[in-house]
């Protein structure tokens, strides 16, 4: 496999890891309501597991309120049950065919706990990126052993993989810094 393909594959995997971390960060509650808090909660509906976003419209009419409006009114109680089981710390209120979630103010202790959670998520992302780096370098070394690339090309490609790694870890660190600031803002 040519060096360019190995580097592109590594960059693609690192980019996907970065996207996953951003999405996970969006699911962490701050003092602002966000559909990302509930959209991926799975609900037992129609005989299978479905995400809330597949069953309902999710809106945030106010900064501390989420409204879930199921497309089929018969799924209201199933969605309520799934939210209660999800342990996101919110109690749903059924209002005819809608579900309201009111986000309470975060205490300082809870804010500190949430920063620890996002730091753990960020570290998991960094580990995933380093694993991609390791796989890419192993692939390059195999190509070098088989004689497809020279030693000089190997050294150069390893430096390129390290530059990619540093860039994506930098992205995660920026996302983490932003999320921590968002969580700690009262």
N, C-alpha and C. Protein backbone atom coordinates (compact mmCIF):
# COMPACT_ATOMS: atom_id res chain seq x y z
N UNK A 1 0.85 -1.18 0.00
CA UNK A 1 0.00 0.00 0.00
C UNK A 1 0.90 1.24 0.00
N UNK A 2 0.65 2.20 -0.87
CA UNK A 2 1.47 3.41 -0.93
C UNK A 2 1.38 4.23 0.37
N UNK A 3 2.43 4.97 0.63
CA UNK A 3 2.51 5.80 1.85
C UNK A 3 1.33 6.76 1.93
N UNK A 4 0.99 7.38 0.80
CA UNK A 4 -0.12 8.35 0.80
C UNK A 4 -1.42 7.72 1.29
N UNK A 5 -1.68 6.50 0.86
CA UNK A 5 -2.91 5.82 1.28
C UNK A 5 -2.90 5.54 2.77
N UNK A 6 -1.76 5.13 3.30
CA UNK A 6 -1.65 4.85 4.73
C UNK A 6 -1.89 6.14 5.53
N UNK A 7 -1.29 7.24 5.06
CA UNK A 7 -1.46 8.52 5.74
C UNK A 7 -2.90 9.01 5.65
N UNK A 8 -3.52 8.86 4.49
CA UNK A 8 -4.91 9.28 4.33
C UNK A 8 -5.85 8.48 5.22
N UNK A 9 -5.60 7.17 5.29
CA UNK A 9 -6.42 6.31 6.14
C UNK A 9 -6.28 6.72 7.60
N UNK A 10 -5.04 6.99 8.04
CA UNK A 10 -4.80 7.41 9.42
C UNK A 10 -5.49 8.75 9.69
N UNK A 11 -5.38 9.68 8.75
CA UNK A 11 -6.02 10.99 8.92
C UNK A 11 -7.54 10.84 9.00
N UNK A 12 -8.10 9.98 8.17
CA UNK A 12 -9.54 9.75 8.17
C UNK A 12 -10.00 9.19 9.51
N UNK A 13 -9.29 8.18 10.02
CA UNK A 13 -9.65 7.58 11.30
C UNK A 13 -9.52 8.59 12.45
N UNK A 14 -8.46 9.40 12.42
CA UNK A 14 -8.27 10.41 13.46
C UNK A 14 -9.38 11.46 13.39
N UNK A 15 -9.77 11.82 12.17
CA UNK A 15 -10.85 12.79 11.99
C UNK A 15 -12.17 12.27 12.55
N UNK A 16 -12.42 10.98 12.31
CA UNK A 16 -13.65 10.38 12.83
C UNK A 16 -13.63 10.34 14.36
N UNK A 17 -12.48 10.06 14.94
CA UNK A 17 -12.36 10.07 16.40
C UNK A 17 -12.66 11.46 16.93
N UNK A 18 -12.12 12.47 16.26
CA UNK A 18 -12.36 13.86 16.65
C UNK A 18 -13.85 14.18 16.61
N UNK A 19 -14.55 13.73 15.58
CA UNK A 19 -15.99 13.97 15.45
C UNK A 19 -16.76 13.27 16.57
N UNK A 20 -16.36 12.05 16.89
CA UNK A 20 -17.03 11.30 17.95
C UNK A 20 -16.87 12.03 19.29
N UNK A 21 -15.68 12.51 19.56
CA UNK A 21 -15.43 13.22 20.82
C UNK A 21 -16.28 14.49 20.87
N UNK A 22 -16.35 15.23 19.77
CA UNK A 22 -17.20 16.43 19.74
C UNK A 22 -18.65 16.07 20.04
N UNK A 23 -19.13 14.99 19.43
CA UNK A 23 -20.52 14.58 19.63
C UNK A 23 -20.74 14.15 21.09
N UNK A 24 -19.78 13.45 21.67
CA UNK A 24 -19.90 13.04 23.07
C UNK A 24 -19.91 14.26 23.98
N UNK A 25 -19.07 15.26 23.66
CA UNK A 25 -19.05 16.49 24.45
C UNK A 25 -20.41 17.18 24.39
N UNK A 26 -21.06 17.15 23.22
CA UNK A 26 -22.37 17.79 23.09
C UNK A 26 -23.41 17.11 23.97
N UNK A 27 -23.20 15.85 24.27
CA UNK A 27 -24.14 15.11 25.11
C UNK A 27 -23.95 15.37 26.60
N UNK A 28 -22.88 16.07 26.96
CA UNK A 28 -22.65 16.38 28.37
C UNK A 28 -23.40 17.66 28.71
N UNK A 29 -24.17 17.57 29.77
CA UNK A 29 -25.06 18.68 30.13
C UNK A 29 -24.29 19.88 30.67
N UNK A 30 -24.64 21.02 30.15
CA UNK A 30 -24.16 22.27 30.71
C UNK A 30 -25.39 23.00 31.21
N UNK A 31 -25.28 24.27 31.49
CA UNK A 31 -26.46 24.99 31.98
C UNK A 31 -27.42 25.32 30.84
N UNK A 32 -27.00 25.02 29.59
CA UNK A 32 -27.85 25.26 28.42
C UNK A 32 -28.47 23.97 27.95
N UNK A 33 -29.75 24.03 27.58
CA UNK A 33 -30.42 22.86 27.03
C UNK A 33 -29.94 22.61 25.61
N UNK A 34 -29.75 21.35 25.27
CA UNK A 34 -29.32 20.99 23.93
C UNK A 34 -29.99 19.67 23.54
N UNK A 35 -30.49 19.57 22.30
CA UNK A 35 -31.09 18.31 21.86
C UNK A 35 -30.12 17.13 21.97
N UNK A 36 -28.82 17.41 21.90
CA UNK A 36 -27.82 16.34 21.98
C UNK A 36 -27.87 15.60 23.31
N UNK A 37 -28.44 16.22 24.34
CA UNK A 37 -28.54 15.57 25.65
C UNK A 37 -29.41 14.32 25.60
N UNK A 38 -30.43 14.33 24.73
CA UNK A 38 -31.40 13.23 24.73
C UNK A 38 -31.53 12.50 23.40
N UNK A 39 -31.01 13.04 22.32
CA UNK A 39 -31.31 12.49 20.99
C UNK A 39 -30.84 11.05 20.79
N UNK A 40 -29.81 10.62 21.50
CA UNK A 40 -29.29 9.26 21.30
C UNK A 40 -29.76 8.26 22.34
N UNK A 41 -30.66 8.68 23.22
CA UNK A 41 -31.21 7.73 24.20
C UNK A 41 -32.06 6.72 23.45
N UNK A 42 -31.86 5.43 23.75
CA UNK A 42 -32.60 4.40 23.03
C UNK A 42 -33.92 4.09 23.74
N UNK A 43 -34.94 3.90 22.92
CA UNK A 43 -36.31 3.67 23.40
C UNK A 43 -36.80 2.35 22.83
N UNK A 44 -37.50 1.59 23.66
CA UNK A 44 -38.14 0.36 23.19
C UNK A 44 -39.45 0.77 22.52
N UNK A 45 -39.48 0.73 21.19
CA UNK A 45 -40.69 1.14 20.47
C UNK A 45 -40.84 0.29 19.21
N UNK A 46 -42.07 -0.05 18.90
CA UNK A 46 -42.39 -0.84 17.71
C UNK A 46 -41.62 -2.16 17.67
N UNK A 47 -41.34 -2.72 18.83
CA UNK A 47 -40.67 -4.01 18.90
C UNK A 47 -39.17 -3.97 18.68
N UNK A 48 -38.58 -2.78 18.68
CA UNK A 48 -37.12 -2.69 18.52
C UNK A 48 -36.59 -1.50 19.30
N UNK A 49 -35.27 -1.37 19.32
CA UNK A 49 -34.61 -0.24 19.99
C UNK A 49 -34.44 0.89 18.97
N UNK A 50 -34.94 2.07 19.31
CA UNK A 50 -34.82 3.22 18.41
C UNK A 50 -34.35 4.41 19.24
N UNK A 51 -33.67 5.34 18.57
CA UNK A 51 -33.23 6.56 19.25
C UNK A 51 -34.38 7.56 19.29
N UNK A 52 -34.34 8.42 20.31
CA UNK A 52 -35.40 9.42 20.44
C UNK A 52 -35.48 10.28 19.18
N UNK A 53 -34.34 10.62 18.60
CA UNK A 53 -34.37 11.48 17.41
C UNK A 53 -35.09 10.82 16.23
N UNK A 54 -35.22 9.49 16.25
CA UNK A 54 -35.93 8.78 15.20
C UNK A 54 -37.43 8.72 15.47
N UNK A 55 -37.83 9.03 16.71
CA UNK A 55 -39.23 8.93 17.11
C UNK A 55 -39.92 10.27 17.34
N UNK A 56 -39.12 11.35 17.47
CA UNK A 56 -39.73 12.61 17.87
C UNK A 56 -38.91 13.81 17.42
N UNK A 57 -39.58 14.95 17.43
CA UNK A 57 -38.89 16.21 17.21
C UNK A 57 -38.39 16.71 18.55
N UNK A 58 -37.17 17.22 18.59
CA UNK A 58 -36.58 17.70 19.84
C UNK A 58 -36.27 19.18 19.67
N UNK A 59 -36.84 20.02 20.54
CA UNK A 59 -36.59 21.47 20.46
C UNK A 59 -36.18 22.01 21.81
N UNK A 60 -35.57 23.17 21.79
CA UNK A 60 -35.19 23.86 23.02
C UNK A 60 -35.76 25.28 22.97
N UNK A 61 -37.03 25.43 23.39
CA UNK A 61 -37.67 26.75 23.32
C UNK A 61 -37.08 27.76 24.31
N UNK A 62 -36.50 27.28 25.39
CA UNK A 62 -35.86 28.13 26.38
C UNK A 62 -34.48 27.57 26.68
N UNK A 63 -33.64 28.36 27.32
CA UNK A 63 -32.26 27.93 27.55
C UNK A 63 -32.16 26.74 28.49
N UNK A 64 -33.19 26.53 29.35
CA UNK A 64 -33.12 25.41 30.30
C UNK A 64 -34.27 24.44 30.13
N UNK A 65 -34.82 24.35 28.92
CA UNK A 65 -35.93 23.43 28.69
C UNK A 65 -35.79 22.71 27.35
N UNK A 66 -36.10 21.42 27.38
CA UNK A 66 -36.12 20.61 26.16
C UNK A 66 -37.55 20.09 26.00
N UNK A 67 -38.07 20.22 24.79
CA UNK A 67 -39.40 19.67 24.49
C UNK A 67 -39.21 18.53 23.49
N UNK A 68 -39.78 17.39 23.81
CA UNK A 68 -39.75 16.23 22.92
C UNK A 68 -41.17 15.98 22.46
N UNK A 69 -41.38 16.09 21.17
CA UNK A 69 -42.72 15.90 20.62
C UNK A 69 -42.71 14.68 19.71
N UNK A 70 -43.19 13.53 20.24
CA UNK A 70 -43.21 12.30 19.43
C UNK A 70 -44.13 12.45 18.22
N UNK A 71 -43.73 11.82 17.12
CA UNK A 71 -44.56 11.85 15.92
C UNK A 71 -45.76 10.92 16.08
N UNK A 72 -45.60 9.93 16.93
CA UNK A 72 -46.70 9.01 17.23
C UNK A 72 -46.96 9.12 18.74
N UNK A 73 -48.15 9.61 19.11
CA UNK A 73 -48.47 9.84 20.52
C UNK A 73 -48.38 8.57 21.37
N UNK A 74 -48.48 7.41 20.77
CA UNK A 74 -48.42 6.17 21.54
C UNK A 74 -47.02 5.88 22.09
N UNK A 75 -46.01 6.61 21.63
CA UNK A 75 -44.64 6.37 22.11
C UNK A 75 -44.25 7.29 23.27
N UNK A 76 -45.16 8.18 23.69
CA UNK A 76 -44.83 9.15 24.76
C UNK A 76 -44.34 8.45 26.02
N UNK A 77 -45.06 7.44 26.48
CA UNK A 77 -44.68 6.77 27.73
C UNK A 77 -43.40 5.95 27.58
N UNK A 78 -43.18 5.38 26.42
CA UNK A 78 -41.94 4.63 26.17
C UNK A 78 -40.74 5.58 26.21
N UNK A 79 -40.89 6.77 25.65
CA UNK A 79 -39.81 7.77 25.66
C UNK A 79 -39.56 8.23 27.10
N UNK A 80 -40.62 8.48 27.84
CA UNK A 80 -40.48 8.90 29.24
C UNK A 80 -39.71 7.84 30.04
N UNK A 81 -40.06 6.59 29.85
CA UNK A 81 -39.41 5.48 30.55
C UNK A 81 -37.92 5.41 30.19
N UNK A 82 -37.61 5.59 28.91
CA UNK A 82 -36.21 5.54 28.47
C UNK A 82 -35.40 6.68 29.07
N UNK A 83 -35.99 7.86 29.16
CA UNK A 83 -35.29 9.01 29.75
C UNK A 83 -35.01 8.75 31.22
N UNK A 84 -35.98 8.21 31.93
CA UNK A 84 -35.78 7.90 33.35
C UNK A 84 -34.68 6.85 33.53
N UNK A 85 -34.63 5.85 32.64
CA UNK A 85 -33.62 4.79 32.73
C UNK A 85 -32.22 5.27 32.36
N UNK A 86 -32.14 6.35 31.58
CA UNK A 86 -30.85 6.78 31.02
C UNK A 86 -29.92 7.42 32.04
N UNK A 87 -30.42 7.77 33.22
CA UNK A 87 -29.60 8.39 34.27
C UNK A 87 -28.95 9.70 33.84
N UNK A 88 -29.66 10.52 33.09
CA UNK A 88 -29.10 11.83 32.72
C UNK A 88 -29.44 12.87 33.77
N UNK A 89 -30.18 12.46 34.79
CA UNK A 89 -30.49 13.36 35.90
C UNK A 89 -31.64 14.31 35.63
N UNK A 90 -32.49 13.99 34.67
CA UNK A 90 -33.63 14.84 34.35
C UNK A 90 -34.92 14.04 34.51
N UNK A 91 -35.93 14.68 35.06
CA UNK A 91 -37.22 14.03 35.23
C UNK A 91 -38.19 14.56 34.18
N UNK A 92 -38.68 13.68 33.31
CA UNK A 92 -39.60 14.13 32.26
C UNK A 92 -40.99 14.40 32.81
N UNK A 93 -41.64 15.40 32.24
CA UNK A 93 -43.02 15.73 32.58
C UNK A 93 -43.83 15.60 31.30
N UNK A 94 -44.88 14.79 31.35
CA UNK A 94 -45.72 14.62 30.17
C UNK A 94 -46.78 15.71 30.16
N UNK A 95 -46.85 16.42 29.05
CA UNK A 95 -47.82 17.50 28.87
C UNK A 95 -48.62 17.18 27.61
N UNK A 96 -49.73 16.52 27.76
CA UNK A 96 -50.58 15.96 26.69
C UNK A 96 -49.74 15.07 25.77
N UNK A 97 -49.34 15.54 24.59
CA UNK A 97 -48.58 14.69 23.66
C UNK A 97 -47.11 15.07 23.59
N UNK A 98 -46.66 15.90 24.52
CA UNK A 98 -45.25 16.35 24.55
C UNK A 98 -44.61 15.91 25.86
N UNK A 99 -43.29 15.88 25.84
CA UNK A 99 -42.53 15.61 27.05
C UNK A 99 -41.65 16.83 27.30
N UNK A 100 -41.73 17.36 28.50
CA UNK A 100 -40.90 18.51 28.88
C UNK A 100 -39.79 18.04 29.81
N UNK A 101 -38.61 18.56 29.57
CA UNK A 101 -37.47 18.31 30.46
C UNK A 101 -36.94 19.67 30.88
N UNK A 102 -36.99 19.95 32.17
CA UNK A 102 -36.48 21.23 32.67
C UNK A 102 -35.13 20.94 33.32
N UNK A 103 -34.10 21.65 32.87
CA UNK A 103 -32.76 21.45 33.40
C UNK A 103 -32.58 22.31 34.64
N UNK A 104 -32.28 21.70 35.78
CA UNK A 104 -32.03 22.50 36.98
C UNK A 104 -30.67 23.20 36.87
N UNK A 105 -30.50 24.22 37.68
CA UNK A 105 -29.20 24.89 37.73
C UNK A 105 -28.14 23.90 38.22
N UNK A 106 -26.95 23.98 37.67
CA UNK A 106 -25.87 23.09 38.09
C UNK A 106 -25.19 23.66 39.33
N UNK A 107 -24.93 22.78 40.29
CA UNK A 107 -24.17 23.22 41.47
C UNK A 107 -22.69 23.21 41.10
N UNK A 108 -21.89 23.87 41.92
CA UNK A 108 -20.45 23.91 41.66
C UNK A 108 -19.85 22.50 41.70
N UNK A 109 -20.32 21.67 42.63
CA UNK A 109 -19.81 20.30 42.73
C UNK A 109 -20.12 19.51 41.46
N UNK A 110 -21.35 19.68 40.95
CA UNK A 110 -21.75 18.97 39.73
C UNK A 110 -20.92 19.45 38.54
N UNK A 111 -20.64 20.75 38.50
CA UNK A 111 -19.81 21.29 37.41
C UNK A 111 -18.42 20.65 37.43
N UNK A 112 -17.86 20.50 38.62
CA UNK A 112 -16.53 19.88 38.75
C UNK A 112 -16.59 18.42 38.30
N UNK A 113 -17.66 17.70 38.70
CA UNK A 113 -17.83 16.30 38.26
C UNK A 113 -17.90 16.22 36.73
N UNK A 114 -18.67 17.14 36.13
CA UNK A 114 -18.81 17.12 34.67
C UNK A 114 -17.49 17.42 33.96
N UNK A 115 -16.66 18.30 34.54
CA UNK A 115 -15.36 18.56 33.91
C UNK A 115 -14.49 17.30 33.97
N UNK A 116 -14.61 16.53 35.06
CA UNK A 116 -13.86 15.27 35.14
C UNK A 116 -14.33 14.29 34.07
N UNK A 117 -15.65 14.27 33.84
CA UNK A 117 -16.22 13.38 32.81
C UNK A 117 -15.69 13.76 31.43
N UNK A 118 -15.69 15.05 31.10
CA UNK A 118 -15.23 15.44 29.76
C UNK A 118 -13.72 15.25 29.62
N UNK A 119 -12.98 15.40 30.71
CA UNK A 119 -11.54 15.13 30.65
C UNK A 119 -11.29 13.66 30.34
N UNK A 120 -12.10 12.77 30.96
CA UNK A 120 -11.98 11.33 30.70
C UNK A 120 -12.31 11.04 29.23
N UNK A 121 -13.36 11.68 28.72
CA UNK A 121 -13.73 11.50 27.31
C UNK A 121 -12.59 11.95 26.40
N UNK A 122 -12.00 13.10 26.73
CA UNK A 122 -10.90 13.62 25.92
C UNK A 122 -9.71 12.67 25.95
N UNK A 123 -9.40 12.12 27.11
CA UNK A 123 -8.28 11.19 27.21
C UNK A 123 -8.56 9.93 26.40
N UNK A 124 -9.80 9.45 26.41
CA UNK A 124 -10.16 8.30 25.58
C UNK A 124 -9.95 8.62 24.11
N UNK A 125 -10.29 9.84 23.72
CA UNK A 125 -10.08 10.26 22.33
C UNK A 125 -8.60 10.31 21.97
N UNK A 126 -7.79 10.84 22.89
CA UNK A 126 -6.33 10.89 22.66
C UNK A 126 -5.76 9.48 22.50
N UNK A 127 -6.24 8.57 23.35
CA UNK A 127 -5.77 7.18 23.29
C UNK A 127 -6.15 6.57 21.94
N UNK A 128 -7.37 6.82 21.48
CA UNK A 128 -7.81 6.29 20.18
C UNK A 128 -6.94 6.83 19.06
N UNK A 129 -6.60 8.10 19.13
CA UNK A 129 -5.74 8.71 18.09
C UNK A 129 -4.35 8.09 18.14
N UNK A 130 -3.82 7.89 19.34
CA UNK A 130 -2.50 7.25 19.45
C UNK A 130 -2.52 5.83 18.92
N UNK A 131 -3.65 5.14 19.11
CA UNK A 131 -3.76 3.78 18.56
C UNK A 131 -3.75 3.80 17.03
N UNK A 132 -4.40 4.80 16.45
CA UNK A 132 -4.36 4.95 14.98
C UNK A 132 -2.93 5.21 14.54
N UNK A 133 -2.21 6.06 15.29
CA UNK A 133 -0.80 6.34 14.97
C UNK A 133 0.01 5.05 15.00
N UNK A 134 -0.17 4.25 16.06
CA UNK A 134 0.57 3.00 16.20
C UNK A 134 0.29 2.06 15.03
N UNK A 135 -0.99 1.92 14.68
CA UNK A 135 -1.36 1.06 13.55
C UNK A 135 -0.73 1.53 12.24
N UNK A 136 -0.75 2.84 12.02
CA UNK A 136 -0.18 3.39 10.79
C UNK A 136 1.32 3.13 10.73
N UNK A 137 2.00 3.35 11.85
CA UNK A 137 3.46 3.14 11.87
C UNK A 137 3.78 1.66 11.67
N UNK A 138 3.00 0.77 12.30
CA UNK A 138 3.22 -0.67 12.08
C UNK A 138 3.03 -1.04 10.61
N UNK A 139 2.02 -0.46 10.00
CA UNK A 139 1.75 -0.71 8.57
C UNK A 139 2.94 -0.22 7.72
N UNK A 140 3.44 0.96 8.06
CA UNK A 140 4.59 1.50 7.33
C UNK A 140 5.81 0.59 7.49
N UNK A 141 6.03 0.10 8.70
CA UNK A 141 7.19 -0.79 8.93
C UNK A 141 7.05 -2.09 8.16
N UNK A 142 5.83 -2.62 8.05
CA UNK A 142 5.61 -3.83 7.25
C UNK A 142 5.93 -3.55 5.78
N UNK A 143 5.51 -2.39 5.31
CA UNK A 143 5.79 -2.01 3.92
C UNK A 143 7.31 -1.88 3.71
N UNK A 144 8.01 -1.37 4.71
CA UNK A 144 9.46 -1.22 4.63
C UNK A 144 10.14 -2.58 4.60
N UNK A 145 9.67 -3.51 5.44
CA UNK A 145 10.24 -4.86 5.48
C UNK A 145 10.04 -5.58 4.16
N UNK A 146 8.89 -5.38 3.55
CA UNK A 146 8.62 -6.07 2.28
C UNK A 146 9.35 -5.40 1.11
N UNK A 147 10.01 -4.28 1.37
CA UNK A 147 10.79 -3.62 0.33
C UNK A 147 10.01 -2.64 -0.52
N UNK A 148 8.76 -2.37 -0.15
CA UNK A 148 7.94 -1.44 -0.93
C UNK A 148 8.31 0.02 -0.69
N UNK A 149 8.84 0.32 0.51
CA UNK A 149 9.30 1.69 0.77
C UNK A 149 10.70 1.63 1.38
N UNK A 150 11.46 2.69 1.14
CA UNK A 150 12.85 2.75 1.63
C UNK A 150 12.87 3.20 3.09
N UNK A 151 14.07 3.09 3.69
CA UNK A 151 14.22 3.52 5.08
C UNK A 151 13.97 5.02 5.22
N UNK A 152 14.46 5.81 4.25
CA UNK A 152 14.26 7.27 4.29
C UNK A 152 12.78 7.62 4.19
N UNK A 153 12.07 6.90 3.31
CA UNK A 153 10.63 7.14 3.17
C UNK A 153 9.90 6.77 4.46
N UNK A 154 10.35 5.70 5.11
CA UNK A 154 9.77 5.27 6.37
C UNK A 154 9.91 6.36 7.43
N UNK A 155 11.11 6.89 7.57
CA UNK A 155 11.37 7.93 8.57
C UNK A 155 10.51 9.16 8.29
N UNK A 156 10.44 9.56 7.04
CA UNK A 156 9.64 10.72 6.64
C UNK A 156 8.14 10.48 6.91
N UNK A 157 7.67 9.30 6.56
CA UNK A 157 6.26 8.97 6.76
C UNK A 157 5.91 8.91 8.25
N UNK A 158 6.84 8.38 9.07
CA UNK A 158 6.60 8.33 10.52
C UNK A 158 6.46 9.74 11.08
N UNK A 159 7.28 10.67 10.57
CA UNK A 159 7.18 12.07 11.00
C UNK A 159 5.82 12.66 10.60
N UNK A 160 5.36 12.32 9.40
CA UNK A 160 4.05 12.80 8.94
C UNK A 160 2.92 12.26 9.82
N UNK A 161 3.02 10.98 10.19
CA UNK A 161 2.00 10.38 11.06
C UNK A 161 2.01 11.10 12.41
N UNK A 162 3.20 11.42 12.92
CA UNK A 162 3.30 12.11 14.21
C UNK A 162 2.71 13.52 14.11
N UNK A 163 2.91 14.19 12.97
CA UNK A 163 2.32 15.53 12.78
C UNK A 163 0.79 15.44 12.80
N UNK A 164 0.24 14.41 12.13
CA UNK A 164 -1.21 14.20 12.15
C UNK A 164 -1.70 13.97 13.58
N UNK A 165 -0.98 13.12 14.30
CA UNK A 165 -1.34 12.81 15.68
C UNK A 165 -1.36 14.08 16.53
N UNK A 166 -0.31 14.87 16.42
CA UNK A 166 -0.23 16.11 17.19
C UNK A 166 -1.37 17.06 16.84
N UNK A 167 -1.70 17.14 15.54
CA UNK A 167 -2.77 18.04 15.09
C UNK A 167 -4.12 17.62 15.68
N UNK A 168 -4.44 16.33 15.60
CA UNK A 168 -5.74 15.89 16.10
C UNK A 168 -5.82 15.89 17.62
N UNK A 169 -4.74 15.62 18.29
CA UNK A 169 -4.74 15.73 19.76
C UNK A 169 -4.92 17.20 20.15
N UNK A 170 -4.34 18.10 19.37
CA UNK A 170 -4.55 19.53 19.59
C UNK A 170 -6.01 19.92 19.43
N UNK A 171 -6.68 19.33 18.42
CA UNK A 171 -8.12 19.59 18.22
C UNK A 171 -8.91 19.16 19.46
N UNK A 172 -8.61 17.96 19.94
CA UNK A 172 -9.33 17.45 21.12
C UNK A 172 -9.08 18.34 22.32
N UNK A 173 -7.83 18.80 22.49
CA UNK A 173 -7.52 19.68 23.61
C UNK A 173 -8.29 20.99 23.52
N UNK A 174 -8.44 21.52 22.30
CA UNK A 174 -9.22 22.76 22.11
C UNK A 174 -10.70 22.52 22.44
N UNK A 175 -11.25 21.39 21.99
CA UNK A 175 -12.65 21.06 22.30
C UNK A 175 -12.82 20.94 23.81
N UNK A 176 -11.87 20.29 24.46
CA UNK A 176 -11.92 20.10 25.91
C UNK A 176 -11.90 21.44 26.63
N UNK A 177 -10.99 22.30 26.22
CA UNK A 177 -10.87 23.62 26.85
C UNK A 177 -12.19 24.39 26.71
N UNK A 178 -12.77 24.35 25.50
CA UNK A 178 -14.03 25.04 25.24
C UNK A 178 -15.16 24.46 26.11
N UNK A 179 -15.24 23.13 26.18
CA UNK A 179 -16.31 22.47 26.94
C UNK A 179 -16.16 22.74 28.44
N UNK A 180 -14.93 22.72 28.94
CA UNK A 180 -14.70 23.01 30.36
C UNK A 180 -15.16 24.44 30.68
N UNK A 181 -14.82 25.37 29.80
CA UNK A 181 -15.22 26.76 30.00
C UNK A 181 -16.75 26.87 30.00
N UNK A 182 -17.39 26.15 29.07
CA UNK A 182 -18.85 26.15 28.97
C UNK A 182 -19.49 25.57 30.23
N UNK A 183 -18.92 24.50 30.76
CA UNK A 183 -19.47 23.87 31.96
C UNK A 183 -19.29 24.78 33.18
N UNK A 184 -18.15 25.40 33.31
CA UNK A 184 -17.87 26.20 34.50
C UNK A 184 -18.49 27.59 34.48
N UNK A 185 -19.02 28.01 33.31
CA UNK A 185 -19.66 29.32 33.24
C UNK A 185 -21.02 29.25 33.94
N UNK A 186 -21.18 30.14 34.89
CA UNK A 186 -22.43 30.14 35.66
C UNK A 186 -23.45 31.01 34.97
